[in-house]
Amino acid sequence: MNSNRSHPGPTIVDYANKEHFDLVILGSRGLNSLQEMVLGSVSHKVVKRVKCPVLIVK
């Protein structure tokens, strides 16, 4: 199983932190709050763990 496809949040966080990014820009799928609670949000996981600013684009 390809880890980049199965766990995109941690993969983005690890790469951004390792490479010392100045900014991470992510798209948002626009899930409603129930969908986000059940499915989780990649952008939410990245914002909480990455060591640089994050811009989320809808």
N, C-alpha and C. Protein backbone atom coordinates (compact mmCIF):
# COMPACT_ATOMS: atom_id res chain seq x y z
N MET A 1 0.85 -1.18 0.00
CA MET A 1 0.00 0.00 0.00
C MET A 1 0.89 1.24 0.00
N ASN A 2 0.57 2.19 -0.84
CA ASN A 2 1.35 3.42 -0.96
C ASN A 2 1.03 4.35 0.20
N SER A 3 2.00 4.66 1.04
CA SER A 3 1.75 5.48 2.23
C SER A 3 1.35 6.90 1.86
N ASN A 4 1.80 7.42 0.72
CA ASN A 4 1.42 8.77 0.32
C ASN A 4 -0.07 8.87 0.06
N ARG A 5 -0.68 7.79 -0.45
CA ARG A 5 -2.10 7.82 -0.74
C ARG A 5 -2.94 7.48 0.47
N SER A 6 -2.42 6.65 1.36
CA SER A 6 -3.23 6.22 2.49
C SER A 6 -3.16 7.17 3.68
N HIS A 7 -2.10 7.96 3.78
CA HIS A 7 -1.93 8.89 4.90
C HIS A 7 -1.36 10.22 4.42
N PRO A 8 -2.14 11.01 3.66
CA PRO A 8 -1.59 12.24 3.10
C PRO A 8 -1.23 13.29 4.15
N GLY A 9 -2.01 13.40 5.23
CA GLY A 9 -1.72 14.41 6.26
C GLY A 9 -0.35 14.25 6.87
N PRO A 10 -0.06 13.10 7.48
CA PRO A 10 1.26 12.90 8.07
C PRO A 10 2.40 12.98 7.05
N THR A 11 2.15 12.55 5.82
CA THR A 11 3.18 12.63 4.78
C THR A 11 3.52 14.08 4.47
N ILE A 12 2.51 14.92 4.34
CA ILE A 12 2.73 16.35 4.08
C ILE A 12 3.46 16.99 5.26
N VAL A 13 3.03 16.69 6.47
CA VAL A 13 3.65 17.26 7.67
C VAL A 13 5.12 16.86 7.76
N ASP A 14 5.40 15.57 7.59
CA ASP A 14 6.79 15.09 7.67
C ASP A 14 7.67 15.79 6.64
N TYR A 15 7.19 15.86 5.41
CA TYR A 15 7.98 16.46 4.34
C TYR A 15 8.19 17.96 4.57
N ALA A 16 7.13 18.67 4.91
CA ALA A 16 7.23 20.12 5.13
C ALA A 16 8.16 20.44 6.30
N ASN A 17 8.07 19.67 7.37
CA ASN A 17 8.93 19.91 8.53
C ASN A 17 10.38 19.54 8.23
N LYS A 18 10.59 18.46 7.51
CA LYS A 18 11.95 18.01 7.17
C LYS A 18 12.65 19.01 6.25
N GLU A 19 11.90 19.58 5.32
CA GLU A 19 12.47 20.51 4.33
C GLU A 19 12.40 21.97 4.79
N HIS A 20 11.87 22.23 5.99
CA HIS A 20 11.81 23.58 6.57
C HIS A 20 11.07 24.57 5.64
N PHE A 21 9.87 24.19 5.23
CA PHE A 21 9.07 25.04 4.36
C PHE A 21 8.75 26.36 5.05
N ASP A 22 8.60 27.42 4.24
CA ASP A 22 8.16 28.71 4.75
C ASP A 22 6.64 28.80 4.82
N LEU A 23 5.95 28.06 3.94
CA LEU A 23 4.50 28.11 3.86
C LEU A 23 4.00 26.84 3.18
N VAL A 24 2.89 26.30 3.68
CA VAL A 24 2.20 25.18 3.03
C VAL A 24 0.86 25.70 2.56
N ILE A 25 0.52 25.44 1.29
CA ILE A 25 -0.76 25.84 0.73
C ILE A 25 -1.54 24.58 0.41
N LEU A 26 -2.75 24.48 0.96
CA LEU A 26 -3.59 23.30 0.77
C LEU A 26 -4.96 23.70 0.26
N GLY A 27 -5.56 22.83 -0.51
CA GLY A 27 -6.94 23.02 -0.92
C GLY A 27 -7.87 22.37 0.10
N SER A 28 -9.07 22.90 0.21
CA SER A 28 -10.08 22.34 1.10
C SER A 28 -11.23 21.80 0.25
N ARG A 29 -11.68 20.58 0.56
CA ARG A 29 -12.80 19.99 -0.18
C ARG A 29 -14.13 20.56 0.26
N GLY A 30 -14.16 21.28 1.37
CA GLY A 30 -15.40 21.88 1.82
C GLY A 30 -16.36 20.90 2.46
N LEU A 31 -15.84 19.96 3.23
CA LEU A 31 -16.72 19.02 3.93
C LEU A 31 -17.54 19.76 4.97
N ASN A 32 -18.76 19.30 5.20
CA ASN A 32 -19.52 19.89 6.29
C ASN A 32 -18.97 19.34 7.61
N SER A 33 -19.41 19.87 8.73
CA SER A 33 -18.82 19.51 10.02
C SER A 33 -19.02 18.02 10.36
N LEU A 34 -20.15 17.44 9.97
CA LEU A 34 -20.37 16.01 10.23
C LEU A 34 -19.42 15.15 9.39
N GLN A 35 -19.29 15.46 8.11
CA GLN A 35 -18.37 14.72 7.25
C GLN A 35 -16.94 14.84 7.77
N GLU A 36 -16.55 16.04 8.18
CA GLU A 36 -15.20 16.26 8.68
C GLU A 36 -14.95 15.46 9.96
N MET A 37 -15.96 15.39 10.84
CA MET A 37 -15.82 14.64 12.09
C MET A 37 -15.65 13.14 11.80
N VAL A 38 -16.41 12.62 10.85
CA VAL A 38 -16.35 11.20 10.54
C VAL A 38 -15.11 10.86 9.71
N LEU A 39 -14.84 11.64 8.69
CA LEU A 39 -13.77 11.33 7.75
C LEU A 39 -12.43 11.92 8.16
N GLY A 40 -12.46 12.97 8.96
CA GLY A 40 -11.23 13.67 9.28
C GLY A 40 -10.90 14.65 8.17
N SER A 41 -9.99 15.53 8.41
CA SER A 41 -9.62 16.55 7.44
C SER A 41 -8.10 16.58 7.33
N VAL A 42 -7.60 16.39 6.12
CA VAL A 42 -6.16 16.46 5.90
C VAL A 42 -5.66 17.85 6.27
N SER A 43 -6.38 18.88 5.85
CA SER A 43 -5.92 20.24 6.15
C SER A 43 -5.88 20.50 7.65
N HIS A 44 -6.85 19.98 8.39
CA HIS A 44 -6.87 20.15 9.84
C HIS A 44 -5.67 19.46 10.48
N LYS A 45 -5.37 18.25 10.02
CA LYS A 45 -4.21 17.52 10.56
C LYS A 45 -2.91 18.25 10.27
N VAL A 46 -2.80 18.80 9.07
CA VAL A 46 -1.58 19.52 8.69
C VAL A 46 -1.42 20.79 9.52
N VAL A 47 -2.49 21.56 9.65
CA VAL A 47 -2.44 22.82 10.41
C VAL A 47 -1.98 22.57 11.85
N LYS A 48 -2.46 21.48 12.45
CA LYS A 48 -2.12 21.19 13.84
C LYS A 48 -0.67 20.76 14.04
N ARG A 49 -0.03 20.20 13.01
CA ARG A 49 1.28 19.56 13.23
C ARG A 49 2.45 20.15 12.46
N VAL A 50 2.19 20.93 11.42
CA VAL A 50 3.30 21.47 10.64
C VAL A 50 3.90 22.68 11.36
N LYS A 51 5.20 22.90 11.16
CA LYS A 51 5.92 23.94 11.88
C LYS A 51 6.08 25.23 11.09
N CYS A 52 5.12 25.52 10.20
CA CYS A 52 5.14 26.76 9.42
C CYS A 52 3.70 27.19 9.20
N PRO A 53 3.50 28.41 8.70
CA PRO A 53 2.13 28.85 8.40
C PRO A 53 1.51 27.97 7.31
N VAL A 54 0.16 27.87 7.36
CA VAL A 54 -0.59 27.10 6.38
C VAL A 54 -1.69 27.99 5.82
N LEU A 55 -1.80 28.03 4.49
CA LEU A 55 -2.86 28.75 3.81
C LEU A 55 -3.81 27.71 3.24
N ILE A 56 -5.08 27.76 3.63
CA ILE A 56 -6.09 26.82 3.13
C ILE A 56 -6.97 27.56 2.14
N VAL A 57 -7.04 27.02 0.92
CA VAL A 57 -7.81 27.64 -0.17
C VAL A 57 -9.06 26.81 -0.40
N LYS A 58 -10.22 27.49 -0.43
CA LYS A 58 -11.48 26.80 -0.72
C LYS A 58 -11.82 26.92 -2.17
